[in-house]
Amino acid sequence: MALKKPLNSFARARKVGHNAAKKKRQSAIAQLQQWAKGKVEEIPNTK
């Protein structure tokens, strides 16, 4: 995870989530949900 500078000098740096695995997982879940709704004909490859 990347760290962002704090707003003041007494605070710690805040964690900022730039997680590629999470983005990939969320897009796969979204594709499965579209398939479950019947919007997509073939089953998406989620692996």
N, C-alpha and C. Protein backbone atom coordinates (compact mmCIF):
# COMPACT_ATOMS: atom_id res chain seq x y z
N MET A 1 0.83 -1.19 0.00
CA MET A 1 0.00 0.00 0.00
C MET A 1 0.87 1.25 0.00
N ALA A 2 0.39 2.23 -0.66
CA ALA A 2 1.10 3.50 -0.69
C ALA A 2 0.72 4.32 0.55
N LEU A 3 1.61 5.19 0.93
CA LEU A 3 1.34 6.06 2.06
C LEU A 3 1.21 7.50 1.58
N LYS A 4 0.24 8.18 2.11
CA LYS A 4 0.03 9.58 1.77
C LYS A 4 0.51 10.44 2.93
N LYS A 5 1.04 11.60 2.63
CA LYS A 5 1.55 12.47 3.68
C LYS A 5 0.41 12.93 4.58
N PRO A 6 0.67 13.07 5.87
CA PRO A 6 -0.39 13.50 6.78
C PRO A 6 -0.74 14.97 6.56
N LEU A 7 -1.89 15.34 7.08
CA LEU A 7 -2.34 16.73 6.94
C LEU A 7 -1.56 17.67 7.85
N ASN A 8 -1.09 17.16 9.00
CA ASN A 8 -0.25 17.99 9.86
C ASN A 8 1.01 17.21 10.23
N SER A 9 1.98 17.89 10.80
CA SER A 9 3.27 17.26 11.04
C SER A 9 3.26 16.31 12.23
N PHE A 10 2.20 16.34 13.06
CA PHE A 10 2.15 15.48 14.23
C PHE A 10 1.45 14.16 13.96
N ALA A 11 0.79 14.07 12.82
CA ALA A 11 0.02 12.86 12.51
C ALA A 11 0.88 11.86 11.74
N ARG A 12 0.46 10.62 11.77
CA ARG A 12 1.11 9.60 10.95
C ARG A 12 0.62 9.69 9.52
N ALA A 13 1.37 9.06 8.63
CA ALA A 13 0.94 9.00 7.24
C ALA A 13 -0.29 8.10 7.13
N ARG A 14 -1.23 8.47 6.30
CA ARG A 14 -2.46 7.70 6.14
C ARG A 14 -2.26 6.64 5.07
N LYS A 15 -2.79 5.46 5.29
CA LYS A 15 -2.70 4.40 4.30
C LYS A 15 -3.70 4.68 3.18
N VAL A 16 -3.26 4.50 1.95
CA VAL A 16 -4.11 4.70 0.78
C VAL A 16 -4.12 3.38 0.02
N GLY A 17 -5.30 2.84 -0.21
CA GLY A 17 -5.38 1.53 -0.85
C GLY A 17 -5.37 1.60 -2.35
N HIS A 18 -4.27 1.16 -2.95
CA HIS A 18 -4.19 1.01 -4.40
C HIS A 18 -3.86 -0.46 -4.65
N ASN A 19 -4.85 -1.31 -4.45
CA ASN A 19 -4.62 -2.74 -4.48
C ASN A 19 -5.09 -3.31 -5.82
N ALA A 20 -4.17 -3.77 -6.64
CA ALA A 20 -4.51 -4.29 -7.96
C ALA A 20 -5.33 -5.56 -7.87
N ALA A 21 -5.04 -6.40 -6.88
CA ALA A 21 -5.78 -7.65 -6.73
C ALA A 21 -7.24 -7.38 -6.38
N LYS A 22 -7.47 -6.36 -5.56
CA LYS A 22 -8.84 -6.01 -5.19
C LYS A 22 -9.61 -5.50 -6.40
N LYS A 23 -8.98 -4.67 -7.23
CA LYS A 23 -9.64 -4.15 -8.42
C LYS A 23 -9.99 -5.27 -9.38
N LYS A 24 -9.06 -6.22 -9.55
CA LYS A 24 -9.30 -7.36 -10.44
C LYS A 24 -10.45 -8.23 -9.92
N ARG A 25 -10.45 -8.46 -8.60
CA ARG A 25 -11.50 -9.27 -7.99
C ARG A 25 -12.87 -8.60 -8.12
N GLN A 26 -12.92 -7.29 -7.91
CA GLN A 26 -14.19 -6.58 -8.01
C GLN A 26 -14.73 -6.57 -9.43
N SER A 27 -13.84 -6.46 -10.43
CA SER A 27 -14.31 -6.48 -11.81
C SER A 27 -14.82 -7.87 -12.19
N ALA A 28 -14.18 -8.92 -11.66
CA ALA A 28 -14.64 -10.28 -11.93
C ALA A 28 -16.01 -10.51 -11.30
N ILE A 29 -16.21 -10.00 -10.10
CA ILE A 29 -17.51 -10.14 -9.43
C ILE A 29 -18.58 -9.39 -10.22
N ALA A 30 -18.25 -8.22 -10.72
CA ALA A 30 -19.21 -7.44 -11.50
C ALA A 30 -19.59 -8.18 -12.78
N GLN A 31 -18.63 -8.83 -13.43
CA GLN A 31 -18.92 -9.60 -14.64
C GLN A 31 -19.83 -10.78 -14.32
N LEU A 32 -19.58 -11.46 -13.20
CA LEU A 32 -20.44 -12.58 -12.80
C LEU A 32 -21.86 -12.10 -12.51
N GLN A 33 -21.97 -10.94 -11.89
CA GLN A 33 -23.30 -10.42 -11.58
C GLN A 33 -24.07 -10.07 -12.86
N GLN A 34 -23.37 -9.53 -13.86
CA GLN A 34 -24.02 -9.24 -15.13
C GLN A 34 -24.48 -10.52 -15.81
N TRP A 35 -23.66 -11.59 -15.71
CA TRP A 35 -24.04 -12.87 -16.27
C TRP A 35 -25.27 -13.43 -15.54
N ALA A 36 -25.29 -13.28 -14.21
CA ALA A 36 -26.41 -13.80 -13.42
C ALA A 36 -27.71 -13.07 -13.76
N LYS A 37 -27.61 -11.79 -14.11
CA LYS A 37 -28.79 -11.03 -14.50
C LYS A 37 -29.30 -11.44 -15.88
N GLY A 38 -28.44 -12.07 -16.67
CA GLY A 38 -28.83 -12.45 -18.01
C GLY A 38 -28.40 -11.44 -19.06
N LYS A 39 -27.54 -10.51 -18.69
CA LYS A 39 -27.09 -9.48 -19.62
C LYS A 39 -26.02 -10.01 -20.57
N VAL A 40 -25.28 -11.03 -20.14
CA VAL A 40 -24.18 -11.58 -20.94
C VAL A 40 -24.50 -13.03 -21.24
N GLU A 41 -24.22 -13.47 -22.46
CA GLU A 41 -24.57 -14.83 -22.86
C GLU A 41 -23.63 -15.88 -22.29
N GLU A 42 -22.30 -15.68 -22.50
CA GLU A 42 -21.36 -16.71 -22.03
C GLU A 42 -20.90 -16.40 -20.61
N ILE A 43 -20.52 -17.45 -19.90
CA ILE A 43 -20.03 -17.31 -18.53
C ILE A 43 -18.65 -16.66 -18.59
N PRO A 44 -18.44 -15.56 -17.85
CA PRO A 44 -17.13 -14.89 -17.90
C PRO A 44 -16.05 -15.74 -17.23
N ASN A 45 -14.85 -15.65 -17.76
CA ASN A 45 -13.70 -16.33 -17.17
C ASN A 45 -13.17 -15.44 -16.05
N THR A 46 -13.29 -15.90 -14.81
CA THR A 46 -12.92 -15.06 -13.67
C THR A 46 -11.56 -15.43 -13.09
N LYS A 47 -10.86 -16.34 -13.70
CA LYS A 47 -9.55 -16.71 -13.15
C LYS A 47 -8.43 -16.18 -13.99
